[in-house]
N, C-alpha and C. Protein backbone atom coordinates (compact mmCIF):
# COMPACT_ATOMS: atom_id res chain seq x y z
N UNK A 1 2.70 -14.26 8.39
CA UNK A 1 3.27 -12.93 8.32
C UNK A 1 3.95 -12.92 6.74
N UNK A 2 3.66 -11.66 6.33
CA UNK A 2 4.17 -11.28 4.95
C UNK A 2 5.47 -10.56 5.17
N UNK A 3 6.41 -10.82 4.23
CA UNK A 3 7.59 -9.87 4.27
C UNK A 3 8.15 -9.53 2.71
N UNK A 4 7.89 -8.26 2.51
CA UNK A 4 8.37 -7.83 1.18
C UNK A 4 9.63 -7.29 1.06
N UNK A 5 10.55 -8.20 0.49
CA UNK A 5 12.10 -7.72 0.52
C UNK A 5 12.22 -6.66 -0.58
N UNK A 6 13.22 -5.81 -0.05
CA UNK A 6 13.33 -4.42 -0.94
C UNK A 6 14.89 -4.43 -1.08
N UNK A 7 15.42 -3.98 -2.06
CA UNK A 7 16.73 -3.77 -2.47
C UNK A 7 17.25 -2.25 -2.17
N UNK A 8 16.07 -1.42 -2.12
CA UNK A 8 16.31 0.03 -1.67
C UNK A 8 15.52 0.58 -0.54
N UNK A 9 14.68 1.58 -0.35
CA UNK A 9 14.34 2.14 0.59
C UNK A 9 13.06 1.64 0.63
N UNK A 10 12.59 1.36 1.98
CA UNK A 10 11.16 0.87 2.43
C UNK A 10 10.40 1.75 2.59
N UNK A 11 9.01 1.70 2.42
CA UNK A 11 8.25 2.75 3.01
C UNK A 11 8.00 2.88 4.53
N UNK A 12 7.48 3.80 4.80
CA UNK A 12 7.44 3.82 6.55
C UNK A 12 6.08 3.60 6.80
N UNK A 13 5.77 2.97 7.99
CA UNK A 13 4.38 2.97 8.55
C UNK A 13 3.58 4.10 8.40
N UNK A 14 4.17 5.29 8.31
CA UNK A 14 3.31 6.59 8.18
C UNK A 14 2.78 6.56 6.52
N UNK A 15 3.25 5.79 5.83
CA UNK A 15 2.79 5.81 4.41
C UNK A 15 1.34 5.09 4.68
N UNK A 16 1.05 4.52 5.42
CA UNK A 16 -0.46 3.78 5.50
C UNK A 16 -1.19 4.39 6.66
N UNK A 17 -0.78 5.63 7.25
CA UNK A 17 -1.73 6.22 8.37
C UNK A 17 -2.56 6.97 8.10
N UNK A 18 -3.17 7.11 6.81
CA UNK A 18 -4.12 8.05 6.58
C UNK A 18 -5.56 7.68 6.95
N UNK A 19 -6.32 8.47 6.96
CA UNK A 19 -7.76 7.82 7.06
C UNK A 19 -8.25 7.25 5.81
N UNK A 20 -9.42 6.61 6.07
CA UNK A 20 -9.97 5.50 5.09
C UNK A 20 -10.26 6.44 3.52
N UNK A 21 -10.59 7.74 3.91
CA UNK A 21 -11.33 8.61 2.66
C UNK A 21 -9.81 9.23 1.96
N UNK A 22 -8.63 9.41 2.88
CA UNK A 22 -7.53 9.72 2.08
C UNK A 22 -6.82 8.63 1.07
N UNK A 23 -5.92 9.09 0.37
CA UNK A 23 -5.15 8.19 -0.54
C UNK A 23 -3.89 7.85 0.23
N UNK A 24 -3.47 6.55 0.77
CA UNK A 24 -2.39 6.33 1.07
C UNK A 24 -1.11 6.53 0.21
N UNK A 25 0.08 6.78 0.51
CA UNK A 25 1.20 7.00 -0.30
C UNK A 25 1.75 5.70 -0.88
N UNK A 26 1.49 4.40 -0.41
CA UNK A 26 1.84 3.15 -0.94
C UNK A 26 0.72 2.08 -0.72
N UNK A 27 0.76 1.58 -1.57
CA UNK A 27 -0.35 0.14 -1.66
C UNK A 27 0.14 -1.39 -1.43
N UNK A 28 1.38 -1.21 -1.57
CA UNK A 28 2.03 -2.64 -1.46
C UNK A 28 1.53 -3.51 -0.28
N UNK A 29 1.69 -3.22 0.90
CA UNK A 29 1.35 -4.11 2.06
C UNK A 29 -0.29 -4.42 1.95
N UNK A 30 -1.02 -3.04 1.67
CA UNK A 30 -2.37 -3.55 1.68
C UNK A 30 -2.77 -4.60 0.44
N UNK A 31 -2.17 -4.46 -0.72
CA UNK A 31 -2.30 -5.28 -1.87
C UNK A 31 -1.92 -6.61 -1.34
N UNK A 32 -0.85 -6.78 -1.03
CA UNK A 32 -0.35 -8.16 -0.45
C UNK A 32 -1.24 -8.75 0.66
N UNK A 33 -1.57 -7.87 1.58
CA UNK A 33 -2.57 -8.76 2.70
C UNK A 33 -3.98 -8.83 2.05
N UNK A 34 -4.46 -8.21 1.16
CA UNK A 34 -5.89 -8.31 0.51
C UNK A 34 -5.52 -9.77 -0.37
N UNK A 35 -4.55 -9.55 -1.12
CA UNK A 35 -4.48 -11.01 -1.91
C UNK A 35 -4.21 -12.24 -0.97
N UNK A 36 -3.50 -12.26 0.17
CA UNK A 36 -3.30 -13.33 0.98
C UNK A 36 -4.70 -13.92 1.46
N UNK A 37 -5.42 -13.01 2.08
CA UNK A 37 -6.56 -13.22 2.61
C UNK A 37 -7.91 -13.37 1.97
N UNK A 38 -7.59 -12.78 0.57
CA UNK A 38 -8.87 -12.94 -0.46
C UNK A 38 -8.81 -13.60 -1.56
N UNK A 39 -7.63 -13.93 -2.22
CA UNK A 39 -7.52 -14.70 -3.49
C UNK A 39 -7.84 -16.04 -3.21
N UNK A 40 -8.60 -16.36 -4.15
CA UNK A 40 -8.81 -17.93 -4.22
C UNK A 40 -7.82 -18.86 -4.34
N UNK A 41 -6.57 -18.58 -5.06
CA UNK A 41 -5.65 -19.26 -5.12
C UNK A 41 -4.71 -19.14 -3.86
N UNK A 42 -4.89 -18.40 -2.64
CA UNK A 42 -4.10 -18.15 -1.56
C UNK A 42 -4.27 -19.45 -0.53
N UNK A 43 -3.39 -20.12 0.11
CA UNK A 43 -3.40 -20.84 0.85
C UNK A 43 -3.71 -20.43 2.12
N UNK A 44 -3.66 -18.86 2.23
CA UNK A 44 -4.27 -18.18 3.56
C UNK A 44 -5.44 -17.41 3.59
N UNK A 45 -6.18 -17.98 2.42
CA UNK A 45 -7.37 -17.36 2.19
C UNK A 45 -8.46 -17.50 3.29
N UNK A 46 -9.12 -16.28 3.85
CA UNK A 46 -9.77 -16.69 4.83
C UNK A 46 -9.05 -16.43 6.19
N UNK A 47 -7.89 -16.40 6.15
CA UNK A 47 -7.08 -16.01 7.45
C UNK A 47 -6.77 -14.53 7.65
N UNK A 48 -6.38 -14.44 8.73
CA UNK A 48 -6.05 -12.93 9.07
C UNK A 48 -4.62 -12.87 9.11
N UNK A 49 -4.06 -11.95 8.30
CA UNK A 49 -2.55 -11.60 8.25
C UNK A 49 -2.44 -10.68 9.38
N UNK A 50 -1.56 -11.04 10.31
CA UNK A 50 -1.32 -10.42 11.54
C UNK A 50 0.08 -9.69 11.47
N UNK A 51 0.94 -9.83 10.51
CA UNK A 51 2.14 -9.35 10.44
C UNK A 51 2.62 -9.12 9.17
N UNK A 52 3.17 -7.96 8.81
CA UNK A 52 3.59 -7.40 7.30
C UNK A 52 4.69 -6.53 7.75
N UNK A 53 5.82 -6.84 7.17
CA UNK A 53 6.92 -6.13 7.17
C UNK A 53 7.64 -6.18 5.92
N UNK A 54 8.50 -4.93 5.79
CA UNK A 54 9.52 -4.84 4.84
C UNK A 54 10.54 -5.13 5.13
N UNK A 55 11.53 -6.04 4.29
CA UNK A 55 13.02 -6.43 4.58
C UNK A 55 13.78 -5.77 3.98
N UNK A 56 14.82 -5.06 4.15
CA UNK A 56 15.74 -4.29 3.30
C UNK A 56 16.98 -5.20 3.05
N UNK A 57 17.21 -5.38 2.08
CA UNK A 57 18.29 -6.19 1.71
C UNK A 57 19.63 -5.66 1.75
N UNK A 58 19.61 -4.31 1.32
CA UNK A 58 20.99 -3.61 1.43
C UNK A 58 21.39 -3.20 2.79
N UNK A 59 20.35 -2.91 3.50
CA UNK A 59 20.47 -2.52 4.88
C UNK A 59 20.61 -3.49 5.94
N UNK A 60 20.27 -4.63 5.44
CA UNK A 60 19.96 -5.86 6.66
C UNK A 60 19.19 -5.58 7.81
N UNK A 61 17.92 -5.09 7.42
CA UNK A 61 17.32 -4.57 8.52
C UNK A 61 15.64 -4.76 7.99
N UNK A 62 14.84 -4.61 8.64
CA UNK A 62 13.52 -4.74 8.37
C UNK A 62 12.73 -3.27 9.15
N UNK A 63 11.45 -3.21 8.41
CA UNK A 63 10.52 -2.28 8.97
C UNK A 63 9.19 -2.96 9.06
N UNK A 64 8.70 -3.33 10.49
CA UNK A 64 7.36 -3.69 10.48
C UNK A 64 6.45 -2.64 10.40
N UNK A 65 5.57 -3.03 9.59
CA UNK A 65 4.23 -1.95 9.17
C UNK A 65 2.88 -2.78 10.17
N UNK A 66 2.51 -4.01 10.09
CA UNK A 66 1.53 -4.39 10.71
C UNK A 66 2.08 -5.26 11.80
N UNK A 67 1.79 -5.47 12.93
CA UNK A 67 2.46 -6.20 14.12
C UNK A 67 1.13 -6.31 15.07
N UNK A 68 0.58 -7.54 15.23
CA UNK A 68 -0.96 -7.74 15.90
C UNK A 68 -0.56 -8.14 17.26
N UNK A 69 0.65 -8.29 17.89
CA UNK A 69 0.89 -8.83 19.06
C UNK A 69 2.51 -8.49 19.54
N UNK A 70 2.66 -8.60 20.62
CA UNK A 70 4.20 -8.62 21.11
C UNK A 70 4.93 -10.01 21.14
N UNK A 71 4.72 -10.85 20.26
CA UNK A 71 5.47 -12.12 20.59
C UNK A 71 6.87 -12.00 19.77
N UNK A 72 6.80 -11.06 18.86
CA UNK A 72 8.31 -10.66 18.36
C UNK A 72 8.61 -9.20 18.81
N UNK A 73 9.97 -8.97 19.58
CA UNK A 73 10.24 -7.79 19.93
C UNK A 73 10.84 -6.90 18.83
N UNK A 74 10.68 -5.78 18.87
CA UNK A 74 11.28 -5.00 17.97
C UNK A 74 12.14 -3.81 18.26
N UNK A 75 12.59 -4.05 19.68
CA UNK A 75 13.62 -2.95 20.18
C UNK A 75 13.03 -1.54 20.05
N UNK A 76 13.72 -0.55 19.40
CA UNK A 76 13.27 0.88 19.30
C UNK A 76 12.44 1.29 17.98
N UNK A 77 11.93 0.03 17.28
CA UNK A 77 11.32 0.28 16.19
C UNK A 77 9.83 0.80 16.40
N UNK A 78 9.44 2.02 15.83
CA UNK A 78 7.96 2.40 16.25
C UNK A 78 7.10 2.64 14.88
N UNK A 79 5.95 2.97 15.30
CA UNK A 79 4.97 3.44 14.21
C UNK A 79 4.14 2.13 13.53
N UNK A 80 4.56 1.08 13.87
CA UNK A 80 3.79 -0.14 13.48
C UNK A 80 2.40 -0.42 14.27
N UNK A 81 1.40 -0.87 13.32
CA UNK A 81 -0.05 -0.71 13.86
C UNK A 81 -0.30 -2.17 13.84
N UNK A 82 -1.60 -2.55 14.62
CA UNK A 82 -2.23 -3.68 14.76
C UNK A 82 -3.08 -3.89 13.44
N UNK A 83 -3.56 -5.16 13.37
CA UNK A 83 -4.40 -5.44 12.02
C UNK A 83 -5.42 -4.42 11.88
N UNK A 84 -6.18 -4.28 13.12
CA UNK A 84 -7.46 -3.43 13.34
C UNK A 84 -7.02 -2.05 12.65
N UNK A 85 -5.96 -1.55 13.43
CA UNK A 85 -5.64 -0.15 13.02
C UNK A 85 -5.19 -0.06 11.65
N UNK A 86 -5.01 -1.10 10.80
CA UNK A 86 -4.55 -1.00 9.57
C UNK A 86 -5.82 -0.83 8.56
N UNK A 87 -6.85 -1.14 9.37
CA UNK A 87 -8.25 -1.02 8.43
C UNK A 87 -8.32 0.19 7.32
N UNK A 88 -7.99 1.62 7.87
CA UNK A 88 -8.38 2.55 6.88
C UNK A 88 -7.24 2.32 5.71
N UNK A 89 -6.04 1.60 5.98
CA UNK A 89 -5.08 1.42 4.78
C UNK A 89 -5.93 0.54 3.76
N UNK A 90 -6.61 -0.25 4.37
CA UNK A 90 -7.01 -1.54 3.66
C UNK A 90 -8.64 -0.74 2.90
N UNK A 91 -8.96 -0.06 3.58
CA UNK A 91 -10.35 0.57 2.95
C UNK A 91 -9.80 1.59 1.60
N UNK A 92 -8.56 2.25 1.93
CA UNK A 92 -8.13 2.98 0.93
C UNK A 92 -7.75 2.33 -0.33
N UNK A 93 -7.07 1.32 0.17
CA UNK A 93 -6.69 0.23 -1.16
C UNK A 93 -7.68 -0.30 -2.03
N UNK A 94 -9.04 -0.58 -1.23
CA UNK A 94 -10.19 -1.28 -2.29
C UNK A 94 -10.67 0.02 -2.66
N UNK A 95 -10.97 1.17 -2.04
CA UNK A 95 -11.55 2.18 -2.89
C UNK A 95 -10.67 2.71 -4.09
N UNK A 96 -9.59 2.78 -3.96
CA UNK A 96 -8.58 3.35 -5.08
C UNK A 96 -8.39 2.08 -6.26
N UNK A 97 -8.46 0.84 -5.80
CA UNK A 97 -8.57 -0.39 -7.13
C UNK A 97 -9.69 -0.34 -7.53
N UNK A 98 -10.93 0.02 -6.90
CA UNK A 98 -12.40 0.17 -7.41
C UNK A 98 -12.35 1.30 -8.37
N UNK A 99 -11.70 2.45 -7.91
CA UNK A 99 -11.72 3.49 -8.99
C UNK A 99 -10.98 3.18 -10.19
N UNK A 100 -9.68 2.52 -10.03
CA UNK A 100 -9.00 2.14 -11.23
C UNK A 100 -9.77 1.31 -12.09
N UNK A 101 -10.20 0.31 -11.59
CA UNK A 101 -11.24 -0.91 -12.23
C UNK A 101 -12.29 -0.14 -13.11
N UNK A 102 -12.81 0.64 -12.55
CA UNK A 102 -14.02 1.63 -13.11
C UNK A 102 -13.30 2.32 -14.41
N UNK A 103 -12.16 3.11 -14.10
CA UNK A 103 -11.55 3.92 -15.07
C UNK A 103 -11.25 2.93 -16.46
N UNK A 104 -10.71 1.66 -16.12
CA UNK A 104 -10.11 0.73 -17.07
C UNK A 104 -11.15 0.36 -17.95
N UNK A 105 -12.41 -0.04 -17.00
CA UNK A 105 -13.42 -0.55 -17.68
C UNK A 105 -13.98 0.40 -18.76
N UNK A 106 -14.12 1.65 -18.41
CA UNK A 106 -14.81 2.89 -19.26
C UNK A 106 -13.78 3.69 -20.08
N UNK A 107 -12.38 3.22 -20.05
CA UNK A 107 -11.45 3.68 -20.80
C UNK A 107 -11.39 5.46 -20.58
N UNK A 108 -11.55 5.77 -19.17
CA UNK A 108 -11.37 7.22 -18.73
C UNK A 108 -10.01 7.22 -18.00
N UNK A 109 -9.11 7.92 -18.42
CA UNK A 109 -7.99 7.78 -17.77
C UNK A 109 -7.57 9.11 -17.26
N UNK A 110 -8.64 10.17 -16.91
CA UNK A 110 -8.50 11.58 -16.74
C UNK A 110 -7.72 11.50 -15.41
N UNK A 111 -6.88 12.46 -14.88
CA UNK A 111 -6.38 12.60 -13.47
C UNK A 111 -7.26 12.90 -12.61
N UNK A 112 -7.50 11.91 -11.70
CA UNK A 112 -8.49 12.30 -10.52
C UNK A 112 -8.30 13.56 -9.85
N UNK A 113 -9.47 14.40 -9.47
CA UNK A 113 -9.48 15.93 -9.32
C UNK A 113 -8.63 15.78 -8.00
N UNK A 114 -8.67 15.03 -6.98
CA UNK A 114 -7.98 14.97 -5.71
C UNK A 114 -6.62 14.47 -5.80
N UNK A 115 -6.09 14.50 -6.87
CA UNK A 115 -4.66 14.15 -6.94
C UNK A 115 -3.65 15.19 -7.16
N UNK A 116 -3.20 15.48 -5.94
CA UNK A 116 -2.27 16.68 -6.11
C UNK A 116 -0.77 16.53 -7.11
N UNK A 117 -0.75 17.30 -7.65
CA UNK A 117 0.53 17.52 -8.75
C UNK A 117 1.80 17.26 -7.86
N UNK A 118 2.04 17.46 -6.48
CA UNK A 118 3.20 17.19 -5.93
C UNK A 118 3.46 15.66 -5.55
N UNK A 119 2.24 14.91 -5.67
CA UNK A 119 2.07 13.40 -5.71
C UNK A 119 2.82 12.83 -6.86
N UNK A 120 2.50 13.21 -7.87
CA UNK A 120 3.12 12.95 -9.34
C UNK A 120 4.63 13.27 -9.17
N UNK A 121 5.02 14.39 -8.72
CA UNK A 121 6.48 14.74 -8.80
C UNK A 121 7.31 13.56 -8.03
N UNK A 122 6.55 13.23 -6.77
CA UNK A 122 7.35 11.99 -6.32
C UNK A 122 7.37 10.54 -6.45
N UNK A 123 6.35 10.55 -7.49
CA UNK A 123 6.13 9.04 -7.78
C UNK A 123 6.99 8.56 -8.58
N UNK A 124 7.38 7.15 -8.22
CA UNK A 124 8.36 6.46 -8.83
C UNK A 124 8.29 6.19 -10.21
N UNK A 125 6.89 6.20 -10.68
CA UNK A 125 6.57 5.97 -12.06
C UNK A 125 6.32 7.12 -12.82
N UNK A 126 6.68 8.37 -12.60
CA UNK A 126 6.33 9.44 -13.29
C UNK A 126 7.06 9.56 -14.49
N UNK A 127 8.14 8.67 -14.78
CA UNK A 127 8.81 8.89 -15.99
C UNK A 127 7.88 7.98 -17.11
N UNK A 128 7.34 7.13 -16.86
CA UNK A 128 6.59 6.22 -17.70
C UNK A 128 5.02 6.30 -17.61
N UNK A 129 4.46 7.15 -16.56
CA UNK A 129 3.15 7.58 -16.75
C UNK A 129 2.80 8.33 -17.85
N UNK A 130 1.57 7.91 -18.28
CA UNK A 130 0.83 8.56 -19.58
C UNK A 130 0.21 9.96 -19.06
N UNK A 131 0.46 10.47 -17.81
CA UNK A 131 -0.13 11.68 -17.37
C UNK A 131 -0.16 12.84 -18.77
N UNK A 132 1.03 13.33 -19.29
CA UNK A 132 1.32 14.23 -20.19
C UNK A 132 0.04 13.98 -21.57
N UNK A 133 -0.06 12.80 -21.73
CA UNK A 133 -0.82 12.55 -22.89
C UNK A 133 -2.30 11.84 -22.54
N UNK A 134 -2.54 11.20 -21.49
CA UNK A 134 -3.67 10.48 -21.05
C UNK A 134 -4.55 10.89 -20.08
N UNK A 135 -4.09 11.45 -19.05
CA UNK A 135 -4.69 11.89 -17.92
C UNK A 135 -4.84 13.46 -17.55
N UNK A 136 -4.81 14.12 -18.70
CA UNK A 136 -4.87 15.68 -18.38
C UNK A 136 -6.50 15.75 -18.50
N UNK A 137 -7.03 16.88 -17.71
CA UNK A 137 -8.48 16.83 -17.66
C UNK A 137 -8.94 16.97 -19.27
N UNK A 138 -10.13 16.45 -19.67
CA UNK A 138 -10.78 16.72 -20.95
C UNK A 138 -11.21 18.11 -21.29
């Protein structure tokens, strides 16, 4: 089980519910699952992560994202998915990290054509993003 403790708001399961071709709104849980399952340094390498939650420190609550079985009752919490149903989020993560790695390797930091301006407006990193200087179309 992975738990990412947050002091602020936590992403919802809907942040990961897009198809593999679409970009998810958040990559934290997919990144943690990927690293736990595939990193050579992970003691969980080769194992399947069946549970991943966000824990809210301030709200003293948790939000399950991946929940592979009913061993842990969640009351009225909804929206969580099985690890199999989380596969599109993992594919989106792999695709986006591949694009990022290729952009870094080639020094190409232009804004992806399919990235809507609204996404930039609600991004937590918009104040430090180099969008204005480095990602404008050439």
